[in-house]
Amino acid sequence: MEPKKMAIIATKGTLDWAYPPLILSSTAAALGYEVQVFCTFYGLSLLRKDVSGMRVSPLGNPAMPMPVPMPVLVQALPGMEAMATMMMKAKMKAKGVASVEELRSLCLEADVKFIACQMTVDLFEFKREEFIDGIEFAGATAFLDFAGSADIQLYI
């Protein structure tokens, strides 16, 4: 019997949006699923060597729990994104949540296949050296062949 398959398209590049595809893919791989994650547009951030620039923005994210209610105008002020990112990182560390780098390594160890969208790499003029080892560079066609036969397909 073939293992179940899970296909994820990751399109977001912020700190808070890095976690869903990494958590879901590492969990599925631990359960024996064959997993592929296609990172396109801003989702390429998940595969870059340097993820220190990932930020979380309270602006346009009304569900983000803040210590005190904040009007949208205050969220738009300079420095609020940096403050929200610092608060999120501190909360994650205090709660023992793995870092993006740790989750990514876990995924690679569990044979999650990461695919960097070649079209997007070319569009943004990224160099292959900017990305972590162990990933593939391919177009959507290569991923869609897998996704078409996957038991679970997610767009994140």
N, C-alpha and C. Protein backbone atom coordinates (compact mmCIF):
# COMPACT_ATOMS: atom_id res chain seq x y z
N MET A 1 0.84 -1.19 0.00
CA MET A 1 0.00 0.00 0.00
C MET A 1 0.88 1.25 0.00
N GLU A 2 0.56 2.18 -0.88
CA GLU A 2 1.33 3.43 -0.97
C GLU A 2 1.05 4.32 0.23
N PRO A 3 2.06 5.10 0.65
CA PRO A 3 1.80 6.03 1.75
C PRO A 3 0.87 7.15 1.29
N LYS A 4 0.18 7.76 2.25
CA LYS A 4 -0.64 8.92 1.92
C LYS A 4 0.28 10.05 1.48
N LYS A 5 -0.27 10.97 0.70
CA LYS A 5 0.51 12.09 0.19
C LYS A 5 -0.14 13.41 0.60
N MET A 6 0.72 14.39 0.91
CA MET A 6 0.23 15.72 1.22
C MET A 6 1.03 16.73 0.41
N ALA A 7 0.32 17.61 -0.28
CA ALA A 7 0.92 18.66 -1.10
C ALA A 7 0.54 20.02 -0.52
N ILE A 8 1.54 20.86 -0.29
CA ILE A 8 1.31 22.19 0.27
C ILE A 8 1.90 23.23 -0.67
N ILE A 9 1.13 24.28 -0.94
CA ILE A 9 1.65 25.44 -1.65
C ILE A 9 1.82 26.54 -0.60
N ALA A 10 3.06 26.98 -0.38
CA ALA A 10 3.36 28.03 0.59
C ALA A 10 3.63 29.34 -0.14
N THR A 11 2.81 30.35 0.14
CA THR A 11 2.91 31.62 -0.59
C THR A 11 3.25 32.81 0.30
N LYS A 12 3.29 32.63 1.59
CA LYS A 12 3.49 33.75 2.51
C LYS A 12 4.91 33.71 3.08
N GLY A 13 5.47 34.88 3.34
CA GLY A 13 6.85 34.95 3.80
C GLY A 13 7.05 35.62 5.14
N THR A 14 5.97 35.82 5.89
CA THR A 14 6.13 36.44 7.20
C THR A 14 6.37 35.37 8.26
N LEU A 15 6.83 35.80 9.41
CA LEU A 15 7.14 34.86 10.49
C LEU A 15 5.93 34.04 10.89
N ASP A 16 4.79 34.68 11.06
CA ASP A 16 3.59 33.94 11.49
C ASP A 16 3.08 32.99 10.42
N TRP A 17 3.32 33.29 9.15
CA TRP A 17 2.87 32.41 8.07
C TRP A 17 3.91 31.35 7.71
N ALA A 18 5.09 31.41 8.30
CA ALA A 18 6.10 30.37 8.06
C ALA A 18 5.75 29.09 8.81
N TYR A 19 5.09 29.23 9.94
CA TYR A 19 4.82 28.08 10.80
C TYR A 19 3.81 27.07 10.25
N PRO A 20 2.66 27.48 9.72
CA PRO A 20 1.69 26.47 9.27
C PRO A 20 2.25 25.44 8.28
N PRO A 21 2.92 25.82 7.19
CA PRO A 21 3.40 24.77 6.29
C PRO A 21 4.49 23.90 6.92
N LEU A 22 5.32 24.49 7.78
CA LEU A 22 6.39 23.71 8.41
C LEU A 22 5.84 22.74 9.46
N ILE A 23 4.90 23.19 10.24
CA ILE A 23 4.30 22.31 11.27
C ILE A 23 3.49 21.19 10.62
N LEU A 24 2.66 21.56 9.64
CA LEU A 24 1.84 20.55 8.98
C LEU A 24 2.68 19.53 8.22
N SER A 25 3.71 19.99 7.52
CA SER A 25 4.51 19.05 6.74
C SER A 25 5.36 18.16 7.64
N SER A 26 5.92 18.69 8.71
CA SER A 26 6.72 17.85 9.62
C SER A 26 5.83 16.82 10.33
N THR A 27 4.63 17.23 10.70
CA THR A 27 3.70 16.31 11.35
C THR A 27 3.26 15.21 10.40
N ALA A 28 2.92 15.58 9.18
CA ALA A 28 2.50 14.59 8.19
C ALA A 28 3.64 13.61 7.89
N ALA A 29 4.85 14.13 7.76
CA ALA A 29 6.00 13.25 7.50
C ALA A 29 6.21 12.29 8.66
N ALA A 30 6.03 12.77 9.89
CA ALA A 30 6.18 11.91 11.08
C ALA A 30 5.11 10.81 11.09
N LEU A 31 3.98 11.08 10.47
CA LEU A 31 2.90 10.09 10.40
C LEU A 31 3.05 9.17 9.19
N GLY A 32 4.13 9.34 8.44
CA GLY A 32 4.39 8.46 7.32
C GLY A 32 3.92 8.96 5.97
N TYR A 33 3.43 10.17 5.90
CA TYR A 33 2.99 10.73 4.62
C TYR A 33 4.21 11.08 3.76
N GLU A 34 4.02 11.03 2.46
CA GLU A 34 4.97 11.59 1.52
C GLU A 34 4.54 13.05 1.34
N VAL A 35 5.47 13.99 1.59
CA VAL A 35 5.10 15.40 1.62
C VAL A 35 5.97 16.22 0.69
N GLN A 36 5.31 17.10 -0.06
CA GLN A 36 6.02 18.09 -0.87
C GLN A 36 5.44 19.47 -0.55
N VAL A 37 6.35 20.45 -0.43
CA VAL A 37 5.96 21.84 -0.19
C VAL A 37 6.52 22.68 -1.33
N PHE A 38 5.62 23.29 -2.08
CA PHE A 38 5.99 24.15 -3.20
C PHE A 38 5.98 25.59 -2.69
N CYS A 39 7.15 26.22 -2.64
CA CYS A 39 7.27 27.58 -2.13
C CYS A 39 7.36 28.55 -3.30
N THR A 40 6.38 29.43 -3.38
CA THR A 40 6.31 30.37 -4.48
C THR A 40 6.10 31.78 -3.95
N PHE A 41 6.46 32.75 -4.74
CA PHE A 41 6.40 34.16 -4.37
C PHE A 41 7.00 34.35 -2.98
N TYR A 42 6.27 34.95 -2.05
CA TYR A 42 6.88 35.27 -0.75
C TYR A 42 7.14 34.03 0.10
N GLY A 43 6.54 32.91 -0.27
CA GLY A 43 6.81 31.65 0.41
C GLY A 43 8.24 31.18 0.25
N LEU A 44 8.97 31.74 -0.73
CA LEU A 44 10.38 31.40 -0.90
C LEU A 44 11.19 31.75 0.35
N SER A 45 10.70 32.69 1.14
CA SER A 45 11.39 33.07 2.38
C SER A 45 11.64 31.87 3.29
N LEU A 46 10.75 30.89 3.24
CA LEU A 46 10.91 29.70 4.07
C LEU A 46 12.17 28.92 3.73
N LEU A 47 12.65 29.08 2.50
CA LEU A 47 13.79 28.28 2.03
C LEU A 47 15.09 29.06 1.97
N ARG A 48 15.06 30.32 2.33
CA ARG A 48 16.27 31.12 2.27
C ARG A 48 17.14 30.82 3.49
N LYS A 49 18.45 30.87 3.30
CA LYS A 49 19.38 30.60 4.40
C LYS A 49 19.14 31.56 5.56
N ASP A 50 18.98 32.82 5.24
CA ASP A 50 18.81 33.84 6.27
C ASP A 50 17.33 34.17 6.44
N VAL A 51 16.77 33.74 7.56
CA VAL A 51 15.36 34.04 7.84
C VAL A 51 15.23 35.08 8.95
N SER A 52 16.35 35.69 9.31
CA SER A 52 16.33 36.67 10.40
C SER A 52 15.46 37.89 10.08
N GLY A 53 15.23 38.15 8.81
CA GLY A 53 14.41 39.29 8.42
C GLY A 53 12.92 39.02 8.41
N MET A 54 12.50 37.81 8.73
CA MET A 54 11.06 37.51 8.77
C MET A 54 10.42 38.32 9.88
N ARG A 55 9.32 38.94 9.55
CA ARG A 55 8.60 39.78 10.49
C ARG A 55 7.15 39.34 10.59
N VAL A 56 6.50 39.81 11.63
CA VAL A 56 5.06 39.62 11.78
C VAL A 56 4.46 41.02 11.92
N SER A 57 3.37 41.26 11.23
CA SER A 57 2.75 42.58 11.28
C SER A 57 1.39 42.52 11.95
N PRO A 58 1.16 43.39 12.91
CA PRO A 58 -0.18 43.44 13.51
C PRO A 58 -1.18 44.13 12.58
N LEU A 59 -0.67 44.88 11.61
CA LEU A 59 -1.53 45.63 10.70
C LEU A 59 -2.26 44.66 9.75
N GLY A 60 -3.54 44.78 9.68
CA GLY A 60 -4.32 43.90 8.81
C GLY A 60 -4.49 42.51 9.36
N ASN A 61 -4.16 42.32 10.62
CA ASN A 61 -4.28 41.02 11.25
C ASN A 61 -5.09 41.18 12.54
N PRO A 62 -6.39 41.38 12.44
CA PRO A 62 -7.21 41.65 13.62
C PRO A 62 -7.27 40.50 14.62
N ALA A 63 -6.92 39.31 14.20
CA ALA A 63 -6.97 38.16 15.11
C ALA A 63 -5.71 38.05 15.97
N MET A 64 -4.69 38.87 15.67
CA MET A 64 -3.45 38.77 16.43
C MET A 64 -3.69 39.23 17.87
N PRO A 65 -3.45 38.34 18.84
CA PRO A 65 -3.66 38.73 20.23
C PRO A 65 -2.58 39.72 20.68
N MET A 66 -3.01 40.86 21.12
CA MET A 66 -2.11 41.90 21.61
C MET A 66 -2.36 42.05 23.11
N PRO A 67 -1.32 42.45 23.85
CA PRO A 67 -1.51 42.61 25.31
C PRO A 67 -2.58 43.65 25.65
N VAL A 68 -2.69 44.67 24.82
CA VAL A 68 -3.73 45.67 25.00
C VAL A 68 -4.36 45.93 23.63
N PRO A 69 -5.66 46.19 23.57
CA PRO A 69 -6.29 46.48 22.28
C PRO A 69 -5.63 47.69 21.62
N MET A 70 -5.37 47.57 20.32
CA MET A 70 -4.69 48.63 19.61
C MET A 70 -5.49 49.05 18.38
N PRO A 71 -5.79 50.33 18.26
CA PRO A 71 -6.47 50.79 17.04
C PRO A 71 -5.57 50.60 15.82
N VAL A 72 -6.18 50.46 14.65
CA VAL A 72 -5.43 50.24 13.41
C VAL A 72 -4.41 51.36 13.19
N LEU A 73 -4.78 52.58 13.49
CA LEU A 73 -3.87 53.70 13.29
C LEU A 73 -2.58 53.52 14.08
N VAL A 74 -2.67 53.03 15.29
CA VAL A 74 -1.48 52.78 16.13
C VAL A 74 -0.66 51.64 15.53
N GLN A 75 -1.31 50.61 15.00
CA GLN A 75 -0.61 49.49 14.40
C GLN A 75 0.22 49.91 13.19
N ALA A 76 -0.19 50.98 12.53
CA ALA A 76 0.50 51.47 11.34
C ALA A 76 1.71 52.35 11.65
N LEU A 77 1.88 52.71 12.90
CA LEU A 77 3.00 53.59 13.26
C LEU A 77 4.35 52.91 13.04
N PRO A 78 5.37 53.68 12.68
CA PRO A 78 6.71 53.11 12.52
C PRO A 78 7.16 52.42 13.81
N GLY A 79 7.76 51.25 13.65
CA GLY A 79 8.27 50.50 14.79
C GLY A 79 7.31 49.47 15.34
N MET A 80 6.03 49.54 14.96
CA MET A 80 5.06 48.58 15.50
C MET A 80 5.31 47.17 14.98
N GLU A 81 5.74 47.05 13.71
CA GLU A 81 6.04 45.73 13.16
C GLU A 81 7.22 45.11 13.90
N ALA A 82 8.24 45.89 14.16
CA ALA A 82 9.41 45.40 14.89
C ALA A 82 9.00 44.98 16.31
N MET A 83 8.14 45.78 16.92
CA MET A 83 7.69 45.45 18.28
C MET A 83 6.85 44.16 18.27
N ALA A 84 5.95 44.03 17.31
CA ALA A 84 5.11 42.83 17.22
C ALA A 84 5.97 41.59 16.97
N THR A 85 7.00 41.74 16.12
CA THR A 85 7.91 40.62 15.84
C THR A 85 8.67 40.22 17.09
N MET A 86 9.18 41.21 17.81
CA MET A 86 9.92 40.94 19.05
C MET A 86 9.03 40.23 20.07
N MET A 87 7.79 40.71 20.19
CA MET A 87 6.86 40.10 21.14
C MET A 87 6.54 38.66 20.75
N MET A 88 6.33 38.43 19.46
CA MET A 88 6.00 37.08 18.98
C MET A 88 7.18 36.13 19.21
N LYS A 89 8.39 36.57 18.89
CA LYS A 89 9.57 35.72 19.09
C LYS A 89 9.77 35.41 20.57
N ALA A 90 9.56 36.40 21.42
CA ALA A 90 9.72 36.19 22.86
C ALA A 90 8.67 35.20 23.38
N LYS A 91 7.44 35.33 22.91
CA LYS A 91 6.37 34.42 23.33
C LYS A 91 6.67 32.99 22.87
N MET A 92 7.13 32.85 21.63
CA MET A 92 7.45 31.52 21.11
C MET A 92 8.58 30.88 21.90
N LYS A 93 9.59 31.67 22.21
CA LYS A 93 10.72 31.15 22.98
C LYS A 93 10.27 30.73 24.37
N ALA A 94 9.46 31.56 25.01
CA ALA A 94 8.97 31.26 26.36
C ALA A 94 8.11 30.00 26.38
N LYS A 95 7.39 29.74 25.29
CA LYS A 95 6.51 28.57 25.22
C LYS A 95 7.21 27.34 24.63
N GLY A 96 8.49 27.49 24.28
CA GLY A 96 9.25 26.35 23.76
C GLY A 96 8.92 25.99 22.32
N VAL A 97 8.42 26.94 21.55
CA VAL A 97 8.09 26.68 20.15
C VAL A 97 9.39 26.68 19.34
N ALA A 98 9.54 25.69 18.51
CA ALA A 98 10.75 25.58 17.68
C ALA A 98 10.85 26.77 16.74
N SER A 99 12.08 27.13 16.40
CA SER A 99 12.31 28.22 15.45
C SER A 99 12.03 27.74 14.04
N VAL A 100 11.95 28.69 13.12
CA VAL A 100 11.75 28.34 11.70
C VAL A 100 12.89 27.44 11.24
N GLU A 101 14.12 27.78 11.61
CA GLU A 101 15.27 26.97 11.21
C GLU A 101 15.17 25.55 11.76
N GLU A 102 14.76 25.42 13.01
CA GLU A 102 14.64 24.08 13.62
C GLU A 102 13.55 23.26 12.93
N LEU A 103 12.41 23.87 12.67
CA LEU A 103 11.32 23.15 12.00
C LEU A 103 11.71 22.75 10.58
N ARG A 104 12.40 23.63 9.91
CA ARG A 104 12.86 23.34 8.55
C ARG A 104 13.81 22.16 8.54
N SER A 105 14.75 22.13 9.48
CA SER A 105 15.69 21.01 9.59
C SER A 105 14.96 19.72 9.89
N LEU A 106 13.98 19.80 10.78
CA LEU A 106 13.17 18.62 11.10
C LEU A 106 12.48 18.09 9.85
N CYS A 107 11.94 18.99 9.05
CA CYS A 107 11.27 18.59 7.80
C CYS A 107 12.24 17.89 6.86
N LEU A 108 13.42 18.46 6.70
CA LEU A 108 14.40 17.87 5.79
C LEU A 108 14.85 16.49 6.28
N GLU A 109 15.02 16.35 7.59
CA GLU A 109 15.39 15.05 8.17
C GLU A 109 14.30 14.01 7.95
N ALA A 110 13.04 14.48 7.90
CA ALA A 110 11.90 13.58 7.72
C ALA A 110 11.56 13.38 6.23
N ASP A 111 12.45 13.84 5.36
CA ASP A 111 12.29 13.68 3.90
C ASP A 111 11.15 14.47 3.28
N VAL A 112 10.79 15.60 3.92
CA VAL A 112 9.85 16.50 3.26
C VAL A 112 10.60 17.10 2.08
N LYS A 113 9.95 17.10 0.93
CA LYS A 113 10.57 17.64 -0.28
C LYS A 113 10.13 19.09 -0.44
N PHE A 114 11.10 19.99 -0.38
CA PHE A 114 10.83 21.41 -0.60
C PHE A 114 11.19 21.76 -2.03
N ILE A 115 10.27 22.45 -2.70
CA ILE A 115 10.50 22.88 -4.07
C ILE A 115 10.40 24.40 -4.13
N ALA A 116 11.48 25.04 -4.57
CA ALA A 116 11.47 26.48 -4.78
C ALA A 116 10.98 26.74 -6.20
N CYS A 117 9.98 27.58 -6.34
CA CYS A 117 9.41 27.89 -7.65
C CYS A 117 10.46 28.62 -8.49
N GLN A 118 10.92 27.96 -9.53
CA GLN A 118 11.98 28.52 -10.37
C GLN A 118 11.57 29.84 -11.01
N MET A 119 10.31 29.94 -11.43
CA MET A 119 9.83 31.18 -12.03
C MET A 119 9.96 32.36 -11.06
N THR A 120 9.60 32.12 -9.79
CA THR A 120 9.67 33.17 -8.79
C THR A 120 11.12 33.50 -8.45
N VAL A 121 11.97 32.49 -8.38
CA VAL A 121 13.40 32.71 -8.14
C VAL A 121 13.95 33.63 -9.22
N ASP A 122 13.59 33.34 -10.47
CA ASP A 122 14.04 34.17 -11.60
C ASP A 122 13.43 35.58 -11.53
N LEU A 123 12.15 35.65 -11.22
CA LEU A 123 11.45 36.93 -11.16
C LEU A 123 12.11 37.89 -10.17
N PHE A 124 12.42 37.38 -8.98
CA PHE A 124 13.01 38.23 -7.94
C PHE A 124 14.53 38.26 -7.99
N GLU A 125 15.10 37.61 -9.00
CA GLU A 125 16.55 37.59 -9.23
C GLU A 125 17.34 37.08 -8.03
N PHE A 126 16.79 36.03 -7.40
CA PHE A 126 17.51 35.39 -6.31
C PHE A 126 18.61 34.50 -6.89
N LYS A 127 19.63 34.27 -6.10
CA LYS A 127 20.71 33.36 -6.47
C LYS A 127 20.48 32.05 -5.70
N ARG A 128 20.81 30.94 -6.34
CA ARG A 128 20.61 29.63 -5.68
C ARG A 128 21.39 29.53 -4.37
N GLU A 129 22.49 30.25 -4.28
CA GLU A 129 23.32 30.21 -3.07
C GLU A 129 22.60 30.83 -1.87
N GLU A 130 21.53 31.58 -2.11
CA GLU A 130 20.79 32.22 -1.03
C GLU A 130 19.86 31.23 -0.32
N PHE A 131 19.71 30.03 -0.90
CA PHE A 131 18.77 29.06 -0.36
C PHE A 131 19.49 27.93 0.37
N ILE A 132 18.76 27.29 1.28
CA ILE A 132 19.31 26.17 2.04
C ILE A 132 19.61 25.00 1.11
N ASP A 133 20.46 24.12 1.57
CA ASP A 133 20.77 22.90 0.82
C ASP A 133 19.60 21.91 0.96
N GLY A 134 19.53 20.99 0.02
CA GLY A 134 18.56 19.91 0.13
C GLY A 134 17.20 20.22 -0.47
N ILE A 135 17.10 21.31 -1.24
CA ILE A 135 15.81 21.64 -1.87
C ILE A 135 15.93 21.49 -3.38
N GLU A 136 14.79 21.48 -4.04
CA GLU A 136 14.75 21.41 -5.50
C GLU A 136 14.29 22.75 -6.05
N PHE A 137 14.68 23.03 -7.27
CA PHE A 137 14.20 24.21 -7.99
C PHE A 137 13.43 23.66 -9.19
N ALA A 138 12.16 24.00 -9.29
CA ALA A 138 11.34 23.47 -10.38
C ALA A 138 10.15 24.39 -10.61
N GLY A 139 9.48 24.14 -11.71
CA GLY A 139 8.28 24.90 -12.04
C GLY A 139 7.04 24.24 -11.47
N ALA A 140 5.93 24.91 -11.65
CA ALA A 140 4.66 24.42 -11.12
C ALA A 140 4.28 23.06 -11.69
N THR A 141 4.65 22.80 -12.93
CA THR A 141 4.28 21.53 -13.57
C THR A 141 4.81 20.34 -12.78
N ALA A 142 6.05 20.44 -12.33
CA ALA A 142 6.65 19.34 -11.56
C ALA A 142 5.88 19.09 -10.28
N PHE A 143 5.47 20.15 -9.61
CA PHE A 143 4.73 20.00 -8.35
C PHE A 143 3.31 19.51 -8.60
N LEU A 144 2.66 20.02 -9.63
CA LEU A 144 1.27 19.66 -9.88
C LEU A 144 1.09 18.18 -10.19
N ASP A 145 2.10 17.57 -10.76
CA ASP A 145 2.03 16.13 -11.01
C ASP A 145 1.87 15.39 -9.68
N PHE A 146 2.63 15.80 -8.67
CA PHE A 146 2.52 15.20 -7.34
C PHE A 146 1.20 15.60 -6.68
N ALA A 147 0.88 16.90 -6.72
CA ALA A 147 -0.32 17.41 -6.05
C ALA A 147 -1.59 16.77 -6.58
N GLY A 148 -1.60 16.47 -7.88
CA GLY A 148 -2.78 15.86 -8.49
C GLY A 148 -3.10 14.48 -7.94
N SER A 149 -2.09 13.81 -7.40
CA SER A 149 -2.34 12.47 -6.84
C SER A 149 -2.29 12.47 -5.31
N ALA A 150 -2.16 13.66 -4.72
CA ALA A 150 -2.06 13.74 -3.25
C ALA A 150 -3.43 13.56 -2.60
N ASP A 151 -3.41 12.97 -1.41
CA ASP A 151 -4.63 12.80 -0.63
C ASP A 151 -5.09 14.11 -0.02
N ILE A 152 -4.12 14.97 0.30
CA ILE A 152 -4.40 16.27 0.92
C ILE A 152 -3.64 17.33 0.14
N GLN A 153 -4.37 18.37 -0.27
CA GLN A 153 -3.74 19.52 -0.93
C GLN A 153 -4.12 20.77 -0.14
N LEU A 154 -3.08 21.54 0.23
CA LEU A 154 -3.31 22.75 1.03
C LEU A 154 -2.65 23.95 0.36
N TYR A 155 -3.32 25.08 0.43
CA TYR A 155 -2.79 26.35 -0.06
C TYR A 155 -2.65 27.28 1.13
N ILE A 156 -1.41 27.62 1.45
CA ILE A 156 -1.16 28.44 2.65
C ILE A 156 -0.46 29.71 2.24
